[in-house]
Amino acid sequence: MTTTTTPMLEAYPAGINLDRGKLAATIDALIACAQACTACADACLSESSVAELTKCVRTDLDCADICSTTARVLSRHTGYDANISRSLLEACATVCKSCAAECEGHANMHEHCRICAEACRNCEQACRDLLATIS
């Protein structure tokens, strides 16, 4: 998959206080997770057992919103504030963990939940990896 994340980070004219490779990987994981969660919520709404999936839909949508916001904030570097990035990454890791657990509970019945849980676990790990580099 080709993304513009790395070329955009490389084109940034000033210094960035984070490892650009880890930052790019995290932004890409955040975007992938947001997309998977949005698609999973929509797929849940089309299931015949939709009433049993309301918590999954809610968790998916919360995760998608937090991941999208985090990706946008991490894509901006002018006036960088490590405290904001740290708080968002912590919140994102938390919601990804919660969403993954919720989706894993439905993964044996719904392939979209299995795919979403995997994207959430990948994103949670990427957020934690980047968090470990922020001083």
N, C-alpha and C. Protein backbone atom coordinates (compact mmCIF):
# COMPACT_ATOMS: atom_id res chain seq x y z
N MET A 1 0.84 -1.17 0.00
CA MET A 1 0.00 0.00 0.00
C MET A 1 0.89 1.24 0.00
N THR A 2 0.65 2.11 -0.93
CA THR A 2 1.40 3.35 -1.02
C THR A 2 0.60 4.45 -0.35
N THR A 3 1.26 5.17 0.55
CA THR A 3 0.61 6.31 1.18
C THR A 3 1.48 7.54 0.97
N THR A 4 0.91 8.67 1.24
CA THR A 4 1.66 9.93 1.14
C THR A 4 2.28 10.32 2.47
N THR A 5 2.09 9.52 3.50
CA THR A 5 2.56 9.88 4.84
C THR A 5 4.06 10.12 4.88
N THR A 6 4.85 9.16 4.46
CA THR A 6 6.30 9.30 4.51
C THR A 6 6.79 10.45 3.63
N PRO A 7 6.35 10.54 2.36
CA PRO A 7 6.81 11.68 1.55
C PRO A 7 6.46 13.04 2.15
N MET A 8 5.30 13.14 2.77
CA MET A 8 4.91 14.41 3.39
C MET A 8 5.80 14.71 4.59
N LEU A 9 6.10 13.71 5.39
CA LEU A 9 6.99 13.93 6.54
C LEU A 9 8.39 14.30 6.07
N GLU A 10 8.85 13.65 5.00
CA GLU A 10 10.17 13.97 4.46
C GLU A 10 10.22 15.37 3.86
N ALA A 11 9.09 15.84 3.36
CA ALA A 11 9.03 17.16 2.73
C ALA A 11 8.88 18.29 3.75
N TYR A 12 8.61 17.95 5.01
CA TYR A 12 8.44 18.99 6.03
C TYR A 12 9.78 19.73 6.19
N PRO A 13 9.77 21.05 6.04
CA PRO A 13 11.02 21.80 5.97
C PRO A 13 11.77 22.01 7.28
N ALA A 14 11.13 21.79 8.39
CA ALA A 14 11.79 22.01 9.68
C ALA A 14 12.01 20.67 10.37
N GLY A 15 12.64 20.73 11.52
CA GLY A 15 12.87 19.52 12.30
C GLY A 15 11.58 18.98 12.89
N ILE A 16 11.53 17.69 13.08
CA ILE A 16 10.41 17.04 13.75
C ILE A 16 11.00 16.33 14.96
N ASN A 17 10.38 16.50 16.12
CA ASN A 17 10.91 15.97 17.37
C ASN A 17 10.61 14.49 17.59
N LEU A 18 10.21 13.79 16.54
CA LEU A 18 9.88 12.37 16.65
C LEU A 18 10.60 11.62 15.54
N ASP A 19 10.79 10.33 15.74
CA ASP A 19 11.35 9.46 14.71
C ASP A 19 10.35 9.43 13.55
N ARG A 20 10.78 9.92 12.39
CA ARG A 20 9.86 10.05 11.25
C ARG A 20 9.34 8.70 10.77
N GLY A 21 10.14 7.65 10.85
CA GLY A 21 9.69 6.32 10.45
C GLY A 21 8.58 5.80 11.35
N LYS A 22 8.78 5.92 12.66
CA LYS A 22 7.74 5.48 13.61
C LYS A 22 6.51 6.36 13.50
N LEU A 23 6.73 7.65 13.29
CA LEU A 23 5.61 8.57 13.16
C LEU A 23 4.77 8.20 11.93
N ALA A 24 5.43 7.95 10.81
CA ALA A 24 4.71 7.57 9.58
C ALA A 24 3.96 6.26 9.78
N ALA A 25 4.60 5.27 10.41
CA ALA A 25 3.94 3.99 10.65
C ALA A 25 2.71 4.15 11.54
N THR A 26 2.82 5.03 12.53
CA THR A 26 1.69 5.25 13.44
C THR A 26 0.55 5.96 12.72
N ILE A 27 0.86 6.99 11.96
CA ILE A 27 -0.18 7.70 11.21
C ILE A 27 -0.90 6.74 10.26
N ASP A 28 -0.13 5.91 9.55
CA ASP A 28 -0.74 4.94 8.64
C ASP A 28 -1.61 3.94 9.40
N ALA A 29 -1.17 3.47 10.56
CA ALA A 29 -1.96 2.54 11.37
C ALA A 29 -3.24 3.20 11.88
N LEU A 30 -3.14 4.47 12.26
CA LEU A 30 -4.31 5.21 12.72
C LEU A 30 -5.35 5.35 11.61
N ILE A 31 -4.89 5.69 10.43
CA ILE A 31 -5.81 5.85 9.30
C ILE A 31 -6.45 4.51 8.93
N ALA A 32 -5.66 3.45 8.91
CA ALA A 32 -6.18 2.12 8.60
C ALA A 32 -7.20 1.68 9.65
N CYS A 33 -6.91 1.96 10.90
CA CYS A 33 -7.82 1.57 11.98
C CYS A 33 -9.13 2.35 11.89
N ALA A 34 -9.04 3.65 11.64
CA ALA A 34 -10.25 4.46 11.51
C ALA A 34 -11.13 3.93 10.38
N GLN A 35 -10.51 3.56 9.27
CA GLN A 35 -11.27 3.04 8.14
C GLN A 35 -11.91 1.69 8.49
N ALA A 36 -11.13 0.81 9.12
CA ALA A 36 -11.66 -0.51 9.50
C ALA A 36 -12.82 -0.38 10.48
N CYS A 37 -12.68 0.51 11.45
CA CYS A 37 -13.73 0.70 12.45
C CYS A 37 -15.00 1.28 11.83
N THR A 38 -14.84 2.22 10.92
CA THR A 38 -16.00 2.80 10.24
C THR A 38 -16.72 1.73 9.41
N ALA A 39 -15.95 0.94 8.68
CA ALA A 39 -16.54 -0.13 7.86
C ALA A 39 -17.17 -1.21 8.72
N CYS A 40 -16.55 -1.53 9.85
CA CYS A 40 -17.10 -2.54 10.74
C CYS A 40 -18.43 -2.07 11.34
N ALA A 41 -18.47 -0.83 11.77
CA ALA A 41 -19.73 -0.30 12.32
C ALA A 41 -20.84 -0.38 11.28
N ASP A 42 -20.52 -0.02 10.05
CA ASP A 42 -21.51 -0.07 8.99
C ASP A 42 -21.94 -1.52 8.72
N ALA A 43 -20.98 -2.44 8.70
CA ALA A 43 -21.31 -3.84 8.48
C ALA A 43 -22.19 -4.38 9.62
N CYS A 44 -21.88 -3.98 10.84
CA CYS A 44 -22.70 -4.41 11.99
C CYS A 44 -24.15 -3.97 11.81
N LEU A 45 -24.33 -2.77 11.29
CA LEU A 45 -25.69 -2.25 11.08
C LEU A 45 -26.46 -3.05 10.04
N SER A 46 -25.75 -3.79 9.19
CA SER A 46 -26.41 -4.60 8.16
C SER A 46 -26.63 -6.04 8.60
N GLU A 47 -26.12 -6.41 9.76
CA GLU A 47 -26.30 -7.77 10.26
C GLU A 47 -27.73 -7.98 10.77
N SER A 48 -28.24 -9.20 10.62
CA SER A 48 -29.58 -9.50 11.12
C SER A 48 -29.62 -9.42 12.65
N SER A 49 -28.47 -9.59 13.30
CA SER A 49 -28.38 -9.53 14.76
C SER A 49 -27.93 -8.16 15.24
N VAL A 50 -28.32 -7.11 14.53
CA VAL A 50 -27.84 -5.76 14.82
C VAL A 50 -28.11 -5.35 16.27
N ALA A 51 -29.19 -5.79 16.85
CA ALA A 51 -29.51 -5.42 18.23
C ALA A 51 -28.45 -5.92 19.20
N GLU A 52 -27.79 -7.02 18.86
CA GLU A 52 -26.74 -7.57 19.72
C GLU A 52 -25.39 -6.90 19.47
N LEU A 53 -25.34 -6.02 18.48
CA LEU A 53 -24.07 -5.40 18.10
C LEU A 53 -24.02 -3.90 18.40
N THR A 54 -24.96 -3.40 19.18
CA THR A 54 -25.00 -1.95 19.43
C THR A 54 -23.73 -1.46 20.13
N LYS A 55 -23.23 -2.21 21.09
CA LYS A 55 -22.00 -1.79 21.77
C LYS A 55 -20.82 -1.82 20.80
N CYS A 56 -20.80 -2.80 19.91
CA CYS A 56 -19.74 -2.90 18.92
C CYS A 56 -19.77 -1.69 17.99
N VAL A 57 -20.95 -1.31 17.54
CA VAL A 57 -21.09 -0.14 16.67
C VAL A 57 -20.59 1.10 17.38
N ARG A 58 -21.02 1.29 18.61
CA ARG A 58 -20.61 2.47 19.38
C ARG A 58 -19.10 2.50 19.57
N THR A 59 -18.53 1.38 19.96
CA THR A 59 -17.08 1.30 20.18
C THR A 59 -16.32 1.53 18.89
N ASP A 60 -16.81 0.95 17.80
CA ASP A 60 -16.18 1.17 16.49
C ASP A 60 -16.16 2.66 16.14
N LEU A 61 -17.28 3.32 16.31
CA LEU A 61 -17.37 4.74 15.93
C LEU A 61 -16.51 5.62 16.83
N ASP A 62 -16.47 5.31 18.13
CA ASP A 62 -15.59 6.06 19.03
C ASP A 62 -14.13 5.87 18.62
N CYS A 63 -13.76 4.64 18.32
CA CYS A 63 -12.39 4.35 17.94
C CYS A 63 -12.03 5.06 16.63
N ALA A 64 -12.93 5.01 15.66
CA ALA A 64 -12.68 5.68 14.38
C ALA A 64 -12.46 7.18 14.57
N ASP A 65 -13.29 7.80 15.40
CA ASP A 65 -13.16 9.25 15.63
C ASP A 65 -11.84 9.59 16.31
N ILE A 66 -11.48 8.83 17.32
CA ILE A 66 -10.25 9.11 18.06
C ILE A 66 -9.02 8.85 17.18
N CYS A 67 -9.05 7.77 16.41
CA CYS A 67 -7.93 7.48 15.52
C CYS A 67 -7.78 8.56 14.45
N SER A 68 -8.88 8.98 13.87
CA SER A 68 -8.83 10.03 12.83
C SER A 68 -8.27 11.33 13.39
N THR A 69 -8.75 11.72 14.55
CA THR A 69 -8.26 12.95 15.17
C THR A 69 -6.78 12.85 15.50
N THR A 70 -6.37 11.72 16.04
CA THR A 70 -4.96 11.52 16.39
C THR A 70 -4.08 11.58 15.15
N ALA A 71 -4.51 10.97 14.07
CA ALA A 71 -3.74 11.00 12.82
C ALA A 71 -3.59 12.44 12.32
N ARG A 72 -4.66 13.21 12.39
CA ARG A 72 -4.59 14.61 11.93
C ARG A 72 -3.64 15.43 12.80
N VAL A 73 -3.72 15.25 14.11
CA VAL A 73 -2.85 16.01 15.01
C VAL A 73 -1.38 15.62 14.81
N LEU A 74 -1.13 14.32 14.66
CA LEU A 74 0.25 13.86 14.47
C LEU A 74 0.82 14.28 13.11
N SER A 75 -0.04 14.68 12.20
CA SER A 75 0.41 15.13 10.88
C SER A 75 0.81 16.60 10.88
N ARG A 76 0.58 17.30 11.99
CA ARG A 76 0.95 18.71 12.11
C ARG A 76 2.15 18.83 13.04
N HIS A 77 3.14 19.64 12.62
CA HIS A 77 4.38 19.72 13.40
C HIS A 77 4.75 21.13 13.83
N THR A 78 4.18 22.12 13.20
CA THR A 78 4.47 23.50 13.58
C THR A 78 3.87 23.75 14.95
N GLY A 79 4.68 24.24 15.89
CA GLY A 79 4.20 24.49 17.25
C GLY A 79 3.92 23.22 18.01
N TYR A 80 4.64 22.15 17.70
CA TYR A 80 4.47 20.83 18.31
C TYR A 80 4.43 20.90 19.83
N ASP A 81 3.50 20.17 20.42
CA ASP A 81 3.38 20.06 21.88
C ASP A 81 3.34 18.58 22.24
N ALA A 82 4.42 18.09 22.82
CA ALA A 82 4.53 16.67 23.16
C ALA A 82 3.42 16.22 24.11
N ASN A 83 2.95 17.10 24.98
CA ASN A 83 1.90 16.72 25.92
C ASN A 83 0.60 16.38 25.21
N ILE A 84 0.28 17.13 24.16
CA ILE A 84 -0.94 16.85 23.40
C ILE A 84 -0.79 15.53 22.66
N SER A 85 0.34 15.34 21.99
CA SER A 85 0.57 14.09 21.27
C SER A 85 0.52 12.90 22.22
N ARG A 86 1.16 13.03 23.36
CA ARG A 86 1.18 11.94 24.34
C ARG A 86 -0.24 11.61 24.80
N SER A 87 -1.03 12.62 25.13
CA SER A 87 -2.40 12.39 25.60
C SER A 87 -3.26 11.72 24.55
N LEU A 88 -3.13 12.17 23.31
CA LEU A 88 -3.91 11.57 22.24
C LEU A 88 -3.49 10.13 21.97
N LEU A 89 -2.19 9.87 21.97
CA LEU A 89 -1.71 8.50 21.74
C LEU A 89 -2.16 7.57 22.86
N GLU A 90 -2.16 8.05 24.11
CA GLU A 90 -2.64 7.23 25.23
C GLU A 90 -4.13 6.94 25.08
N ALA A 91 -4.91 7.97 24.72
CA ALA A 91 -6.35 7.78 24.53
C ALA A 91 -6.61 6.81 23.38
N CYS A 92 -5.84 6.95 22.33
CA CYS A 92 -6.00 6.09 21.16
C CYS A 92 -5.66 4.64 21.51
N ALA A 93 -4.57 4.42 22.21
CA ALA A 93 -4.20 3.05 22.61
C ALA A 93 -5.31 2.44 23.47
N THR A 94 -5.90 3.24 24.35
CA THR A 94 -6.98 2.76 25.22
C THR A 94 -8.21 2.37 24.42
N VAL A 95 -8.64 3.24 23.50
CA VAL A 95 -9.85 2.95 22.73
C VAL A 95 -9.61 1.80 21.76
N CYS A 96 -8.41 1.70 21.20
CA CYS A 96 -8.10 0.59 20.30
C CYS A 96 -8.14 -0.74 21.06
N LYS A 97 -7.62 -0.75 22.26
CA LYS A 97 -7.65 -1.98 23.08
C LYS A 97 -9.10 -2.38 23.37
N SER A 98 -9.92 -1.41 23.73
CA SER A 98 -11.32 -1.67 24.04
C SER A 98 -12.08 -2.14 22.80
N CYS A 99 -11.85 -1.48 21.68
CA CYS A 99 -12.55 -1.85 20.44
C CYS A 99 -12.12 -3.24 19.98
N ALA A 100 -10.83 -3.53 20.07
CA ALA A 100 -10.35 -4.86 19.69
C ALA A 100 -11.02 -5.94 20.54
N ALA A 101 -11.11 -5.70 21.83
CA ALA A 101 -11.75 -6.68 22.72
C ALA A 101 -13.22 -6.88 22.35
N GLU A 102 -13.90 -5.79 22.09
CA GLU A 102 -15.32 -5.88 21.71
C GLU A 102 -15.48 -6.65 20.40
N CYS A 103 -14.70 -6.29 19.40
CA CYS A 103 -14.81 -6.95 18.10
C CYS A 103 -14.39 -8.42 18.18
N GLU A 104 -13.39 -8.72 18.98
CA GLU A 104 -12.97 -10.12 19.13
C GLU A 104 -14.10 -10.99 19.68
N GLY A 105 -14.98 -10.39 20.45
CA GLY A 105 -16.13 -11.13 20.97
C GLY A 105 -17.13 -11.54 19.90
N HIS A 106 -17.04 -10.93 18.73
CA HIS A 106 -17.95 -11.24 17.63
C HIS A 106 -17.22 -11.84 16.43
N ALA A 107 -15.90 -11.96 16.54
CA ALA A 107 -15.07 -12.35 15.40
C ALA A 107 -15.39 -13.74 14.86
N ASN A 108 -15.85 -14.64 15.71
CA ASN A 108 -16.15 -15.99 15.23
C ASN A 108 -17.42 -16.02 14.39
N MET A 109 -18.24 -14.98 14.49
CA MET A 109 -19.49 -14.92 13.71
C MET A 109 -19.42 -13.91 12.57
N HIS A 110 -18.56 -12.90 12.71
CA HIS A 110 -18.53 -11.81 11.73
C HIS A 110 -17.09 -11.50 11.33
N GLU A 111 -16.77 -11.77 10.08
CA GLU A 111 -15.42 -11.55 9.57
C GLU A 111 -15.01 -10.08 9.68
N HIS A 112 -15.95 -9.18 9.50
CA HIS A 112 -15.61 -7.76 9.61
C HIS A 112 -15.14 -7.41 11.01
N CYS A 113 -15.67 -8.07 12.02
CA CYS A 113 -15.22 -7.83 13.39
C CYS A 113 -13.80 -8.37 13.60
N ARG A 114 -13.49 -9.50 12.98
CA ARG A 114 -12.14 -10.06 13.09
C ARG A 114 -11.12 -9.12 12.45
N ILE A 115 -11.45 -8.63 11.27
CA ILE A 115 -10.56 -7.71 10.57
C ILE A 115 -10.37 -6.42 11.37
N CYS A 116 -11.45 -5.92 11.91
CA CYS A 116 -11.40 -4.69 12.70
C CYS A 116 -10.56 -4.89 13.96
N ALA A 117 -10.75 -6.00 14.63
CA ALA A 117 -9.97 -6.28 15.85
C ALA A 117 -8.48 -6.30 15.54
N GLU A 118 -8.12 -6.89 14.41
CA GLU A 118 -6.71 -6.94 14.01
C GLU A 118 -6.16 -5.54 13.75
N ALA A 119 -6.93 -4.71 13.06
CA ALA A 119 -6.51 -3.33 12.80
C ALA A 119 -6.35 -2.56 14.11
N CYS A 120 -7.26 -2.79 15.04
CA CYS A 120 -7.19 -2.12 16.34
C CYS A 120 -5.95 -2.55 17.12
N ARG A 121 -5.65 -3.84 17.13
CA ARG A 121 -4.46 -4.33 17.84
C ARG A 121 -3.19 -3.75 17.21
N ASN A 122 -3.14 -3.70 15.88
CA ASN A 122 -1.98 -3.11 15.20
C ASN A 122 -1.83 -1.63 15.56
N CYS A 123 -2.94 -0.92 15.58
CA CYS A 123 -2.91 0.51 15.88
C CYS A 123 -2.52 0.75 17.34
N GLU A 124 -3.07 -0.05 18.24
CA GLU A 124 -2.71 0.08 19.65
C GLU A 124 -1.19 -0.07 19.82
N GLN A 125 -0.62 -1.07 19.16
CA GLN A 125 0.82 -1.30 19.28
C GLN A 125 1.61 -0.15 18.67
N ALA A 126 1.19 0.35 17.54
CA ALA A 126 1.88 1.48 16.90
C ALA A 126 1.85 2.71 17.81
N CYS A 127 0.71 2.96 18.44
CA CYS A 127 0.60 4.10 19.36
C CYS A 127 1.53 3.92 20.55
N ARG A 128 1.57 2.73 21.10
CA ARG A 128 2.45 2.46 22.25
C ARG A 128 3.92 2.57 21.85
N ASP A 129 4.25 2.10 20.65
CA ASP A 129 5.64 2.20 20.17
C ASP A 129 6.07 3.65 20.02
N LEU A 130 5.19 4.49 19.46
CA LEU A 130 5.53 5.91 19.32
C LEU A 130 5.57 6.60 20.68
N LEU A 131 4.63 6.25 21.54
CA LEU A 131 4.62 6.83 22.90
C LEU A 131 5.95 6.59 23.61
N ALA A 132 6.53 5.44 23.42
CA ALA A 132 7.79 5.10 24.09
C ALA A 132 8.94 6.00 23.65
N THR A 133 8.79 6.67 22.52
CA THR A 133 9.86 7.54 22.02
C THR A 133 9.67 9.01 22.39
N ILE A 134 8.52 9.34 22.96
CA ILE A 134 8.24 10.75 23.30
C ILE A 134 8.78 11.05 24.67
N SER A 135 9.63 12.08 24.73
CA SER A 135 10.22 12.45 26.04
C SER A 135 9.40 13.50 26.74
